[in-house]
Amino acid sequence: MRLIPAIDLRGGRCVRLLQGDFAAETRYEAEPLELLARYRGYGADWLHVVDLDGAREGSGGNRSVIATLAAEAGVQLQVGGGLRDFAAVRDVLGLGAARAVVGSAALTEPDEVRRWLRHFGSGRIALAFDVRLDDAGTPCVATHGWVRQSAVPLWRAVAEFIEAGLTHVLCTDVSRDGALGGPNVNLYAEAVRRHPQVAWQASGGIRHALDLHALAACGAAAAISGKALLEQRIPIEELRPFLPNA
């Protein structure tokens, strides 16, 4: 399993939100380029970048920062946040991102997103499904920066794209995001069981190396970590098994 550090951008600065709430923002002093260099030094070969301004407003206000990060050698970027039409996906890939992360459009415009998968190639598109568990424990997809909650089960949403060649899915349990309470390992184990052909990226709640080992054991292809890495809560020697260039 690969560990992919996350950088969330708002107004060109690195921030973290608690459970996607823009009113619960923590701003960090580290510059985005500084963080990329730190994580590359750890041995990371991918970086997950979220344009929060794009996710909330559909704007591309962080594009210059993304282009600067993408120009750095040794680390590939997957970038998401507000990629809701063909032009937005094309543009972020044009900035140098290796992979575009598409969220809300996968639920609202599935035919279009299937076309993007075929046009750009499944290796260059990841679908992001952010979920909340309903009263029955079923993971249902939230959209538009987690502001809107649907009743669509994660499993149905993913199944829509298998025939289009879907390869990468980033799944976040919203209730765990930024809370350092541990990932929803059962969710990812079920995801791998239902769709073993998908490379699942697990996001939300990682607090220590035991969480990474648990996600690896359940079959996750990658783990996304923001806050724990930003705040250097996990010793680097414990991260090395999950960093390809360590």
C-alpha atoms as a PDB file:
ATOM      1  CA  MET A   1       0.000   0.000   0.000  1.00  0.00           C
ATOM      2  CA  ARG A   2       1.199   3.503  -0.879  1.00  0.00           C
ATOM      3  CA  LEU A   3       0.926   6.483   1.475  1.00  0.00           C
ATOM      4  CA  ILE A   4      -0.101   9.647  -0.383  1.00  0.00           C
ATOM      5  CA  PRO A   5       0.299  12.891   1.588  1.00  0.00           C
ATOM      6  CA  ALA A   6      -2.489  15.433   1.117  1.00  0.00           C
ATOM      7  CA  ILE A   7      -2.286  19.202   0.759  1.00  0.00           C
ATOM      8  CA  ASP A   8      -5.527  21.206   0.881  1.00  0.00           C
ATOM      9  CA  LEU A   9      -5.310  24.671  -0.659  1.00  0.00           C
ATOM     10  CA  ARG A  10      -7.450  27.675   0.139  1.00  0.00           C
ATOM     11  CA  GLY A  11      -6.401  31.069  -1.127  1.00  0.00           C
ATOM     12  CA  GLY A  12      -2.997  29.625  -2.003  1.00  0.00           C
ATOM     13  CA  ARG A  13      -2.317  28.503   1.584  1.00  0.00           C
ATOM     14  CA  CYS A  14      -2.256  25.074   3.211  1.00  0.00           C
ATOM     15  CA  VAL A  15      -5.274  24.410   5.414  1.00  0.00           C
ATOM     16  CA  ARG A  16      -7.251  21.523   6.869  1.00  0.00           C
ATOM     17  CA  LEU A  17     -10.998  21.393   7.439  1.00  0.00           C
ATOM     18  CA  LEU A  18     -12.733  19.314  10.079  1.00  0.00           C
ATOM     19  CA  GLN A  19     -15.280  17.051   8.375  1.00  0.00           C
ATOM     20  CA  GLY A  20     -15.357  19.356   5.360  1.00  0.00           C
ATOM     21  CA  ASP A  21     -16.615  22.344   7.358  1.00  0.00           C
ATOM     22  CA  PHE A  22     -15.204  25.615   6.012  1.00  0.00           C
ATOM     23  CA  ALA A  23     -15.987  27.238   9.367  1.00  0.00           C
ATOM     24  CA  ALA A  24     -13.696  24.708  11.073  1.00  0.00           C
ATOM     25  CA  GLU A  25     -10.487  25.562   9.255  1.00  0.00           C
ATOM     26  CA  THR A  26      -6.951  25.215  10.550  1.00  0.00           C
ATOM     27  CA  ARG A  27      -4.356  27.212   8.611  1.00  0.00           C
ATOM     28  CA  TYR A  28      -0.751  26.016   8.551  1.00  0.00           C
ATOM     29  CA  GLU A  29       2.339  28.184   8.208  1.00  0.00           C
ATOM     30  CA  ALA A  30       4.147  25.780   5.866  1.00  0.00           C
ATOM     31  CA  GLU A  31       4.075  26.825   2.219  1.00  0.00           C
ATOM     32  CA  PRO A  32       2.777  24.290  -0.344  1.00  0.00           C
ATOM     33  CA  LEU A  33       6.174  23.965  -2.036  1.00  0.00           C
ATOM     34  CA  GLU A  34       7.834  23.466   1.335  1.00  0.00           C
ATOM     35  CA  LEU A  35       5.435  20.644   2.145  1.00  0.00           C
ATOM     36  CA  LEU A  36       6.009  18.975  -1.214  1.00  0.00           C
ATOM     37  CA  ALA A  37       9.748  19.041  -0.559  1.00  0.00           C
ATOM     38  CA  ARG A  38       9.239  17.593   2.925  1.00  0.00           C
ATOM     39  CA  TYR A  39       7.083  14.728   1.688  1.00  0.00           C
ATOM     40  CA  ARG A  40       9.368  14.023  -1.253  1.00  0.00           C
ATOM     41  CA  GLY A  41      12.211  13.846   1.251  1.00  0.00           C
ATOM     42  CA  TYR A  42      10.245  11.263   3.223  1.00  0.00           C
ATOM     43  CA  GLY A  43      10.023   9.121   0.076  1.00  0.00           C
ATOM     44  CA  ALA A  44       6.549   9.932  -1.231  1.00  0.00           C
ATOM     45  CA  ASP A  45       6.127   9.652  -4.999  1.00  0.00           C
ATOM     46  CA  TRP A  46       2.550  10.982  -5.180  1.00  0.00           C
ATOM     47  CA  LEU A  47       0.854  14.003  -3.628  1.00  0.00           C
ATOM     48  CA  HIS A  48      -2.892  14.522  -3.304  1.00  0.00           C
ATOM     49  CA  VAL A  49      -3.839  18.187  -3.776  1.00  0.00           C
ATOM     50  CA  VAL A  50      -7.329  19.536  -3.125  1.00  0.00           C
ATOM     51  CA  ASP A  51      -8.371  22.958  -4.398  1.00  0.00           C
ATOM     52  CA  LEU A  52     -10.892  23.879  -1.713  1.00  0.00           C
ATOM     53  CA  ASP A  53     -11.829  27.099  -3.496  1.00  0.00           C
ATOM     54  CA  GLY A  54     -12.684  25.011  -6.538  1.00  0.00           C
ATOM     55  CA  ALA A  55     -14.660  22.525  -4.463  1.00  0.00           C
ATOM     56  CA  ARG A  56     -16.708  25.267  -2.827  1.00  0.00           C
ATOM     57  CA  GLU A  57     -17.057  27.837  -5.592  1.00  0.00           C
ATOM     58  CA  GLY A  58     -15.995  26.084  -8.769  1.00  0.00           C
ATOM     59  CA  SER A  59     -13.176  28.627  -9.130  1.00  0.00           C
ATOM     60  CA  GLY A  60      -9.600  27.901 -10.173  1.00  0.00           C
ATOM     61  CA  GLY A  61      -7.941  30.335  -7.814  1.00  0.00           C
ATOM     62  CA  ASN A  62      -5.169  27.936  -6.814  1.00  0.00           C
ATOM     63  CA  ARG A  63      -4.084  27.028 -10.334  1.00  0.00           C
ATOM     64  CA  SER A  64      -0.764  28.868 -10.176  1.00  0.00           C
ATOM     65  CA  VAL A  65       0.168  26.995  -6.994  1.00  0.00           C
ATOM     66  CA  ILE A  66      -0.870  23.689  -8.559  1.00  0.00           C
ATOM     67  CA  ALA A  67       1.225  24.394 -11.665  1.00  0.00           C
ATOM     68  CA  THR A  68       4.237  25.208  -9.483  1.00  0.00           C
ATOM     69  CA  LEU A  69       3.853  21.970  -7.524  1.00  0.00           C
ATOM     70  CA  ALA A  70       3.337  19.915 -10.686  1.00  0.00           C
ATOM     71  CA  ALA A  71       6.580  21.260 -12.157  1.00  0.00           C
ATOM     72  CA  GLU A  72       8.604  19.734  -9.315  1.00  0.00           C
ATOM     73  CA  ALA A  73      10.499  16.546 -10.124  1.00  0.00           C
ATOM     74  CA  GLY A  74      10.141  13.283  -8.243  1.00  0.00           C
ATOM     75  CA  VAL A  75       6.504  13.581  -7.179  1.00  0.00           C
ATOM     76  CA  GLN A  76       3.361  13.123  -9.255  1.00  0.00           C
ATOM     77  CA  LEU A  77       0.207  15.049  -8.417  1.00  0.00           C
ATOM     78  CA  GLN A  78      -3.398  13.980  -8.327  1.00  0.00           C
ATOM     79  CA  VAL A  79      -5.557  17.074  -8.094  1.00  0.00           C
ATOM     80  CA  GLY A  80      -9.216  17.548  -7.227  1.00  0.00           C
ATOM     81  CA  GLY A  81     -11.666  20.238  -6.237  1.00  0.00           C
ATOM     82  CA  GLY A  82     -14.359  21.665  -8.494  1.00  0.00           C
ATOM     83  CA  LEU A  83     -13.610  19.512 -11.563  1.00  0.00           C
ATOM     84  CA  ARG A  84     -17.186  19.416 -12.802  1.00  0.00           C
ATOM     85  CA  ASP A  85     -16.818  19.658 -16.577  1.00  0.00           C
ATOM     86  CA  PHE A  86     -14.554  18.467 -19.393  1.00  0.00           C
ATOM     87  CA  ALA A  87     -12.673  21.765 -19.628  1.00  0.00           C
ATOM     88  CA  ALA A  88     -11.821  21.793 -15.923  1.00  0.00           C
ATOM     89  CA  VAL A  89     -10.416  18.263 -16.110  1.00  0.00           C
ATOM     90  CA  ARG A  90      -8.486  19.079 -19.269  1.00  0.00           C
ATOM     91  CA  ASP A  91      -7.078  22.242 -17.714  1.00  0.00           C
ATOM     92  CA  VAL A  92      -5.844  20.633 -14.497  1.00  0.00           C
ATOM     93  CA  LEU A  93      -4.144  17.885 -16.483  1.00  0.00           C
ATOM     94  CA  GLY A  94      -2.707  20.605 -18.680  1.00  0.00           C
ATOM     95  CA  LEU A  95      -1.163  22.230 -15.619  1.00  0.00           C
ATOM     96  CA  GLY A  96       0.925  19.107 -15.177  1.00  0.00           C
ATOM     97  CA  ALA A  97      -1.184  16.989 -12.835  1.00  0.00           C
ATOM     98  CA  ALA A  98      -0.737  13.283 -13.529  1.00  0.00           C
ATOM     99  CA  ARG A  99      -4.281  12.499 -12.427  1.00  0.00           C
ATOM    100  CA  ALA A 100      -7.493  14.492 -12.054  1.00  0.00           C
ATOM    101  CA  VAL A 101      -9.812  13.674  -9.169  1.00  0.00           C
ATOM    102  CA  VAL A 102     -13.490  14.014 -10.081  1.00  0.00           C
ATOM    103  CA  GLY A 103     -16.087  14.131  -7.329  1.00  0.00           C
ATOM    104  CA  SER A 104     -19.599  15.563  -7.606  1.00  0.00           C
ATOM    105  CA  ALA A 105     -19.847  15.181 -11.381  1.00  0.00           C
ATOM    106  CA  ALA A 106     -19.597  11.407 -11.039  1.00  0.00           C
ATOM    107  CA  LEU A 107     -22.974  11.496  -9.323  1.00  0.00           C
ATOM    108  CA  THR A 108     -24.641  14.343 -11.204  1.00  0.00           C
ATOM    109  CA  GLU A 109     -23.252  13.738 -14.729  1.00  0.00           C
ATOM    110  CA  PRO A 110     -22.305  10.043 -14.950  1.00  0.00           C
ATOM    111  CA  ASP A 111     -22.543   9.863 -18.752  1.00  0.00           C
ATOM    112  CA  GLU A 112     -20.121  12.772 -19.078  1.00  0.00           C
ATOM    113  CA  VAL A 113     -17.702  11.279 -16.573  1.00  0.00           C
ATOM    114  CA  ARG A 114     -17.700   7.956 -18.411  1.00  0.00           C
ATOM    115  CA  ARG A 115     -16.727   9.922 -21.521  1.00  0.00           C
ATOM    116  CA  TRP A 116     -13.850  11.556 -19.617  1.00  0.00           C
ATOM    117  CA  LEU A 117     -12.588   8.172 -18.446  1.00  0.00           C
ATOM    118  CA  ARG A 118     -12.517   6.934 -22.032  1.00  0.00           C
ATOM    119  CA  HIS A 119     -11.056  10.157 -23.439  1.00  0.00           C
ATOM    120  CA  PHE A 120      -8.248  10.787 -20.948  1.00  0.00           C
ATOM    121  CA  GLY A 121      -7.686   7.161 -19.928  1.00  0.00           C
ATOM    122  CA  SER A 122      -8.607   5.487 -16.670  1.00  0.00           C
ATOM    123  CA  GLY A 123      -5.096   6.004 -15.295  1.00  0.00           C
ATOM    124  CA  ARG A 124      -5.506   9.777 -15.419  1.00  0.00           C
ATOM    125  CA  ILE A 125      -8.907  10.013 -13.740  1.00  0.00           C
ATOM    126  CA  ALA A 126      -9.754   9.076 -10.161  1.00  0.00           C
ATOM    127  CA  LEU A 127     -13.309   9.264  -8.905  1.00  0.00           C
ATOM    128  CA  ALA A 128     -13.743  10.646  -5.396  1.00  0.00           C
ATOM    129  CA  PHE A 129     -16.740   9.384  -3.464  1.00  0.00           C
ATOM    130  CA  ASP A 130     -17.160  11.061  -0.090  1.00  0.00           C
ATOM    131  CA  VAL A 131     -19.613   9.169   2.059  1.00  0.00           C
ATOM    132  CA  ARG A 132     -21.639   9.350   5.226  1.00  0.00           C
ATOM    133  CA  LEU A 133     -23.181   6.245   6.769  1.00  0.00           C
ATOM    134  CA  ASP A 134     -26.984   6.266   6.891  1.00  0.00           C
ATOM    135  CA  ASP A 135     -29.036   4.867   9.762  1.00  0.00           C
ATOM    136  CA  ALA A 136     -28.655   1.370   8.330  1.00  0.00           C
ATOM    137  CA  GLY A 137     -24.881   1.727   8.076  1.00  0.00           C
ATOM    138  CA  THR A 138     -24.883   2.060   4.276  1.00  0.00           C
ATOM    139  CA  PRO A 139     -22.267   4.483   2.906  1.00  0.00           C
ATOM    140  CA  CYS A 140     -24.109   7.136   0.847  1.00  0.00           C
ATOM    141  CA  VAL A 141     -22.413   9.707  -1.342  1.00  0.00           C
ATOM    142  CA  ALA A 142     -22.124  13.407  -0.427  1.00  0.00           C
ATOM    143  CA  THR A 143     -21.398  16.003  -3.122  1.00  0.00           C
ATOM    144  CA  HIS A 144     -20.409  19.636  -3.731  1.00  0.00           C
ATOM    145  CA  GLY A 145     -17.754  19.899  -1.059  1.00  0.00           C
ATOM    146  CA  TRP A 146     -19.846  17.655   1.240  1.00  0.00           C
ATOM    147  CA  VAL A 147     -22.622  20.269   1.447  1.00  0.00           C
ATOM    148  CA  ARG A 148     -25.215  18.057  -0.272  1.00  0.00           C
ATOM    149  CA  GLN A 149     -26.047  14.565   0.931  1.00  0.00           C
ATOM    150  CA  SER A 150     -27.527  12.021  -1.474  1.00  0.00           C
ATOM    151  CA  ALA A 151     -29.229   8.705  -0.788  1.00  0.00           C
ATOM    152  CA  VAL A 152     -27.109   6.961  -3.434  1.00  0.00           C
ATOM    153  CA  PRO A 153     -25.128   4.045  -1.981  1.00  0.00           C
ATOM    154  CA  LEU A 154     -21.404   4.045  -2.689  1.00  0.00           C
ATOM    155  CA  TRP A 155     -21.631   0.599  -4.265  1.00  0.00           C
ATOM    156  CA  ARG A 156     -24.199   1.710  -6.838  1.00  0.00           C
ATOM    157  CA  ALA A 157     -22.209   4.858  -7.637  1.00  0.00           C
ATOM    158  CA  VAL A 158     -19.006   2.886  -8.298  1.00  0.00           C
ATOM    159  CA  ALA A 159     -20.784   0.222 -10.370  1.00  0.00           C
ATOM    160  CA  GLU A 160     -21.866   2.940 -12.839  1.00  0.00           C
ATOM    161  CA  PHE A 161     -18.254   3.272 -14.062  1.00  0.00           C
ATOM    162  CA  ILE A 162     -16.777  -0.217 -14.045  1.00  0.00           C
ATOM    163  CA  GLU A 163     -17.517  -0.854 -17.728  1.00  0.00           C
ATOM    164  CA  ALA A 164     -15.914   2.492 -18.607  1.00  0.00           C
ATOM    165  CA  GLY A 165     -12.638   1.184 -17.193  1.00  0.00           C
ATOM    166  CA  LEU A 166     -12.684   2.802 -13.758  1.00  0.00           C
ATOM    167  CA  THR A 167      -9.383   2.067 -12.006  1.00  0.00           C
ATOM    168  CA  HIS A 168      -8.903   4.564  -9.167  1.00  0.00           C
ATOM    169  CA  VAL A 169     -11.446   5.468  -6.469  1.00  0.00           C
ATOM    170  CA  LEU A 170     -10.711   7.752  -3.547  1.00  0.00           C
ATOM    171  CA  CYS A 171     -13.213   7.151  -0.764  1.00  0.00           C
ATOM    172  CA  THR A 172     -13.516   9.398   2.284  1.00  0.00           C
ATOM    173  CA  ASP A 173     -15.676   8.727   5.314  1.00  0.00           C
ATOM    174  CA  VAL A 174     -16.655  12.347   6.009  1.00  0.00           C
ATOM    175  CA  SER A 175     -17.221  11.696   9.715  1.00  0.00           C
ATOM    176  CA  ARG A 176     -13.571  10.644  10.085  1.00  0.00           C
ATOM    177  CA  ASP A 177     -11.979  13.435   8.039  1.00  0.00           C
ATOM    178  CA  GLY A 178      -9.575  15.619   9.993  1.00  0.00           C
ATOM    179  CA  ALA A 179     -10.701  14.099  13.289  1.00  0.00           C
ATOM    180  CA  LEU A 180      -7.706  11.797  13.912  1.00  0.00           C
ATOM    181  CA  GLY A 181     -10.114   9.146  15.176  1.00  0.00           C
ATOM    182  CA  GLY A 182      -8.949   6.267  13.004  1.00  0.00           C
ATOM    183  CA  PRO A 183     -10.041   5.245   9.508  1.00  0.00           C
ATOM    184  CA  ASN A 184     -13.185   3.281   8.744  1.00  0.00           C
ATOM    185  CA  VAL A 185     -11.343   0.036   8.010  1.00  0.00           C
ATOM    186  CA  ASN A 186     -14.578  -1.945   7.655  1.00  0.00           C
ATOM    187  CA  LEU A 187     -15.723   0.393   4.882  1.00  0.00           C
ATOM    188  CA  TYR A 188     -12.578  -0.175   2.825  1.00  0.00           C
ATOM    189  CA  ALA A 189     -12.572  -3.913   3.450  1.00  0.00           C
ATOM    190  CA  GLU A 190     -16.122  -4.042   2.089  1.00  0.00           C
ATOM    191  CA  ALA A 191     -15.137  -1.829  -0.849  1.00  0.00           C
ATOM    192  CA  VAL A 192     -12.299  -4.166  -1.807  1.00  0.00           C
ATOM    193  CA  ARG A 193     -14.575  -7.195  -1.431  1.00  0.00           C
ATOM    194  CA  ARG A 194     -17.269  -5.717  -3.668  1.00  0.00           C
ATOM    195  CA  HIS A 195     -14.977  -4.183  -6.298  1.00  0.00           C
ATOM    196  CA  PRO A 196     -11.565  -5.900  -6.175  1.00  0.00           C
ATOM    197  CA  GLN A 197     -10.669  -4.608  -9.639  1.00  0.00           C
ATOM    198  CA  VAL A 198     -10.574  -1.022  -8.299  1.00  0.00           C
ATOM    199  CA  ALA A 199      -7.486   0.496  -6.679  1.00  0.00           C
ATOM    200  CA  TRP A 200      -9.090   1.956  -3.540  1.00  0.00           C
ATOM    201  CA  GLN A 201      -7.606   5.027  -1.882  1.00  0.00           C
ATOM    202  CA  ALA A 202      -8.655   5.318   1.765  1.00  0.00           C
ATOM    203  CA  SER A 203      -9.044   8.769   3.272  1.00  0.00           C
ATOM    204  CA  GLY A 204     -10.103  10.110   6.649  1.00  0.00           C
ATOM    205  CA  GLY A 205      -9.000   9.558  10.229  1.00  0.00           C
ATOM    206  CA  ILE A 206      -5.427   8.285   9.952  1.00  0.00           C
ATOM    207  CA  ARG A 207      -3.617   9.013  13.231  1.00  0.00           C
ATOM    208  CA  HIS A 208      -0.708   6.544  13.528  1.00  0.00           C
ATOM    209  CA  ALA A 209       1.174   3.781  11.703  1.00  0.00           C
ATOM    210  CA  LEU A 210      -1.134   1.056  13.024  1.00  0.00           C
ATOM    211  CA  ASP A 211      -3.918   2.631  10.950  1.00  0.00           C
ATOM    212  CA  LEU A 212      -1.765   2.336   7.836  1.00  0.00           C
ATOM    213  CA  HIS A 213      -1.034  -1.327   8.548  1.00  0.00           C
ATOM    214  CA  ALA A 214      -4.757  -1.980   9.071  1.00  0.00           C
ATOM    215  CA  LEU A 215      -5.640  -0.366   5.739  1.00  0.00           C
ATOM    216  CA  ALA A 216      -2.916  -2.329   3.972  1.00  0.00           C
ATOM    217  CA  ALA A 217      -4.231  -5.551   5.498  1.00  0.00           C
ATOM    218  CA  CYS A 218      -7.766  -4.902   4.219  1.00  0.00           C
ATOM    219  CA  GLY A 219      -6.518  -4.441   0.659  1.00  0.00           C
ATOM    220  CA  ALA A 220      -6.462  -0.670   0.164  1.00  0.00           C
ATOM    221  CA  ALA A 221      -4.123   0.366  -2.640  1.00  0.00           C
ATOM    222  CA  ALA A 222      -3.317   3.734  -1.070  1.00  0.00           C
ATOM    223  CA  ALA A 223      -3.957   5.789   2.032  1.00  0.00           C
ATOM    224  CA  ILE A 224      -4.405   9.564   1.955  1.00  0.00           C
ATOM    225  CA  SER A 225      -3.178  11.445   5.021  1.00  0.00           C
ATOM    226  CA  GLY A 226      -3.348  15.177   5.657  1.00  0.00           C
ATOM    227  CA  LYS A 227      -3.453  16.302   9.263  1.00  0.00           C
ATOM    228  CA  ALA A 228      -1.335  13.543  10.812  1.00  0.00           C
ATOM    229  CA  LEU A 229       1.481  14.252   8.364  1.00  0.00           C
ATOM    230  CA  LEU A 230       1.122  18.030   8.500  1.00  0.00           C
ATOM    231  CA  GLU A 231       1.450  17.937  12.273  1.00  0.00           C
ATOM    232  CA  GLN A 232       4.196  15.285  12.097  1.00  0.00           C
ATOM    233  CA  ARG A 233       2.345  12.956  14.450  1.00  0.00           C
ATOM    234  CA  ILE A 234       3.819   9.767  12.953  1.00  0.00           C
ATOM    235  CA  PRO A 235       7.590   9.102  13.177  1.00  0.00           C
ATOM    236  CA  ILE A 236       9.172   8.946   9.744  1.00  0.00           C
ATOM    237  CA  GLU A 237      10.652   5.504  10.389  1.00  0.00           C
ATOM    238  CA  GLU A 238       7.108   4.165  10.881  1.00  0.00           C
ATOM    239  CA  LEU A 239       6.001   5.672   7.562  1.00  0.00           C
ATOM    240  CA  ARG A 240       8.797   4.172   5.458  1.00  0.00           C
ATOM    241  CA  PRO A 241       7.085   0.843   4.661  1.00  0.00           C
ATOM    242  CA  PHE A 242       4.421   2.836   2.801  1.00  0.00           C
ATOM    243  CA  LEU A 243       6.678   5.305   0.958  1.00  0.00           C
ATOM    244  CA  PRO A 244       8.117   3.892  -2.294  1.00  0.00           C
ATOM    245  CA  ASN A 245      11.224   6.121  -2.363  1.00  0.00           C
ATOM    246  CA  ALA A 246      12.100   5.954   1.355  1.00  0.00           C
END
